[in-house]
Amino acid sequence: MAHRLTTREIEQFAEALLNARAGADAAVTDDILDALDRISEGTYGRCELCREWLPRERLLAAPWARRCLGCERKAAGAGRTPGAAT
């Protein structure tokens, strides 16, 4: 089931986008714009790796989230150098 954004959530997106642009945080701006694209495509709220629905709490904390926490941890772990301290 696709997640529909409430008016408040759309306002949070807009606020985050404005803050990112004001702070020149290009990465966050890109993440927000990508999330808006996912909304229009109907894929917003699904993990891009496992395809499970993201918990609403995750979307409220980071509306531009692409992955569930489990896949996010796996992706972060895959980027580590073997033998590096954790």
C-alpha atoms as a PDB file:
ATOM      1  CA  MET A   1       0.000   0.000   0.000  1.00  0.00           C
ATOM      2  CA  ALA A   2       1.486   3.329  -1.027  1.00  0.00           C
ATOM      3  CA  HIS A   3       1.887   5.908   1.687  1.00  0.00           C
ATOM      4  CA  ARG A   4       0.008   9.131   1.143  1.00  0.00           C
ATOM      5  CA  LEU A   5       1.523  12.253   2.600  1.00  0.00           C
ATOM      6  CA  THR A   6      -0.443  14.423   4.925  1.00  0.00           C
ATOM      7  CA  THR A   7      -0.419  18.169   4.515  1.00  0.00           C
ATOM      8  CA  ARG A   8       1.940  18.391   7.479  1.00  0.00           C
ATOM      9  CA  GLU A   9       4.348  15.905   5.914  1.00  0.00           C
ATOM     10  CA  ILE A  10       4.378  17.888   2.670  1.00  0.00           C
ATOM     11  CA  GLU A  11       5.098  21.016   4.699  1.00  0.00           C
ATOM     12  CA  GLN A  12       7.991  19.181   6.407  1.00  0.00           C
ATOM     13  CA  PHE A  13       9.388  18.261   2.994  1.00  0.00           C
ATOM     14  CA  ALA A  14       9.188  21.856   1.831  1.00  0.00           C
ATOM     15  CA  GLU A  15      10.790  23.116   5.039  1.00  0.00           C
ATOM     16  CA  ALA A  16      13.620  20.580   4.808  1.00  0.00           C
ATOM     17  CA  LEU A  17      14.218  21.511   1.170  1.00  0.00           C
ATOM     18  CA  LEU A  18      14.365  25.209   1.986  1.00  0.00           C
ATOM     19  CA  ASN A  19      16.717  24.581   4.912  1.00  0.00           C
ATOM     20  CA  ALA A  20      18.981  22.393   2.795  1.00  0.00           C
ATOM     21  CA  ARG A  21      19.172  25.000   0.052  1.00  0.00           C
ATOM     22  CA  ALA A  22      19.806  27.779   2.560  1.00  0.00           C
ATOM     23  CA  GLY A  23      22.592  25.739   4.144  1.00  0.00           C
ATOM     24  CA  ALA A  24      23.959  24.742   0.730  1.00  0.00           C
ATOM     25  CA  ASP A  25      23.633  21.065   1.674  1.00  0.00           C
ATOM     26  CA  ALA A  26      23.490  19.654  -1.838  1.00  0.00           C
ATOM     27  CA  ALA A  27      23.293  16.020  -0.683  1.00  0.00           C
ATOM     28  CA  VAL A  28      20.171  16.606   1.414  1.00  0.00           C
ATOM     29  CA  THR A  29      18.616  18.717  -1.336  1.00  0.00           C
ATOM     30  CA  ASP A  30      19.206  15.884  -3.814  1.00  0.00           C
ATOM     31  CA  ASP A  31      17.748  13.324  -1.376  1.00  0.00           C
ATOM     32  CA  ILE A  32      14.614  15.430  -0.946  1.00  0.00           C
ATOM     33  CA  LEU A  33      14.184  15.957  -4.674  1.00  0.00           C
ATOM     34  CA  ASP A  34      14.640  12.218  -5.232  1.00  0.00           C
ATOM     35  CA  ALA A  35      11.976  11.512  -2.605  1.00  0.00           C
ATOM     36  CA  LEU A  36       9.596  13.856  -4.391  1.00  0.00           C
ATOM     37  CA  ASP A  37      10.271  11.927  -7.615  1.00  0.00           C
ATOM     38  CA  ARG A  38       9.471   8.678  -5.804  1.00  0.00           C
ATOM     39  CA  ILE A  39       6.181  10.186  -4.663  1.00  0.00           C
ATOM     40  CA  SER A  40       5.206  10.987  -8.241  1.00  0.00           C
ATOM     41  CA  GLU A  41       6.319   7.496  -9.366  1.00  0.00           C
ATOM     42  CA  GLY A  42       4.333   5.802  -6.608  1.00  0.00           C
ATOM     43  CA  THR A  43       7.402   4.165  -5.041  1.00  0.00           C
ATOM     44  CA  TYR A  44       7.717   6.487  -2.049  1.00  0.00           C
ATOM     45  CA  GLY A  45       7.846   4.659   1.258  1.00  0.00           C
ATOM     46  CA  ARG A  46       9.324   1.407  -0.079  1.00  0.00           C
ATOM     47  CA  CYS A  47      12.851   0.273   0.670  1.00  0.00           C
ATOM     48  CA  GLU A  48      14.828   0.439  -2.554  1.00  0.00           C
ATOM     49  CA  LEU A  49      16.678  -2.790  -1.644  1.00  0.00           C
ATOM     50  CA  CYS A  50      14.244  -5.229  -0.003  1.00  0.00           C
ATOM     51  CA  ARG A  51      11.063  -3.507  -1.356  1.00  0.00           C
ATOM     52  CA  GLU A  52       9.337  -3.700   2.055  1.00  0.00           C
ATOM     53  CA  TRP A  53       7.309  -0.700   3.212  1.00  0.00           C
ATOM     54  CA  LEU A  54       9.216   1.678   5.463  1.00  0.00           C
ATOM     55  CA  PRO A  55       7.699   2.198   8.897  1.00  0.00           C
ATOM     56  CA  ARG A  56       5.832   5.475   9.172  1.00  0.00           C
ATOM     57  CA  GLU A  57       8.132   6.489  12.052  1.00  0.00           C
ATOM     58  CA  ARG A  58      11.130   6.195   9.702  1.00  0.00           C
ATOM     59  CA  LEU A  59       9.468   8.418   7.131  1.00  0.00           C
ATOM     60  CA  LEU A  60       8.544  10.965   9.763  1.00  0.00           C
ATOM     61  CA  ALA A  61      12.119  11.048  11.072  1.00  0.00           C
ATOM     62  CA  ALA A  62      13.681  11.197   7.592  1.00  0.00           C
ATOM     63  CA  PRO A  63      11.049  11.757   4.898  1.00  0.00           C
ATOM     64  CA  TRP A  64      13.676  11.277   2.191  1.00  0.00           C
ATOM     65  CA  ALA A  65      14.715   7.811   3.480  1.00  0.00           C
ATOM     66  CA  ARG A  66      15.381   5.309   0.699  1.00  0.00           C
ATOM     67  CA  ARG A  67      15.928   2.184   2.767  1.00  0.00           C
ATOM     68  CA  CYS A  68      14.617   0.440   5.847  1.00  0.00           C
ATOM     69  CA  LEU A  69      16.967   0.471   8.836  1.00  0.00           C
ATOM     70  CA  GLY A  70      18.054  -3.137   8.247  1.00  0.00           C
ATOM     71  CA  CYS A  71      19.063  -2.477   4.646  1.00  0.00           C
ATOM     72  CA  GLU A  72      20.624   0.844   5.640  1.00  0.00           C
ATOM     73  CA  ARG A  73      22.847  -0.997   8.136  1.00  0.00           C
ATOM     74  CA  LYS A  74      23.772  -3.617   5.537  1.00  0.00           C
ATOM     75  CA  ALA A  75      24.643  -0.924   3.007  1.00  0.00           C
ATOM     76  CA  ALA A  76      26.757   0.934   5.571  1.00  0.00           C
ATOM     77  CA  GLY A  77      28.513  -2.312   6.534  1.00  0.00           C
ATOM     78  CA  ALA A  78      29.245  -3.118   2.893  1.00  0.00           C
ATOM     79  CA  GLY A  79      31.131   0.161   2.582  1.00  0.00           C
ATOM     80  CA  ARG A  80      33.613  -0.729   5.336  1.00  0.00           C
ATOM     81  CA  THR A  81      37.119  -1.797   4.584  1.00  0.00           C
ATOM     82  CA  PRO A  82      37.765  -5.421   5.619  1.00  0.00           C
ATOM     83  CA  GLY A  83      39.713  -5.534   8.856  1.00  0.00           C
ATOM     84  CA  ALA A  84      38.878  -1.928   9.720  1.00  0.00           C
ATOM     85  CA  ALA A  85      37.907  -1.118  13.290  1.00  0.00           C
ATOM     86  CA  THR A  86      34.166  -0.800  13.899  1.00  0.00           C
END
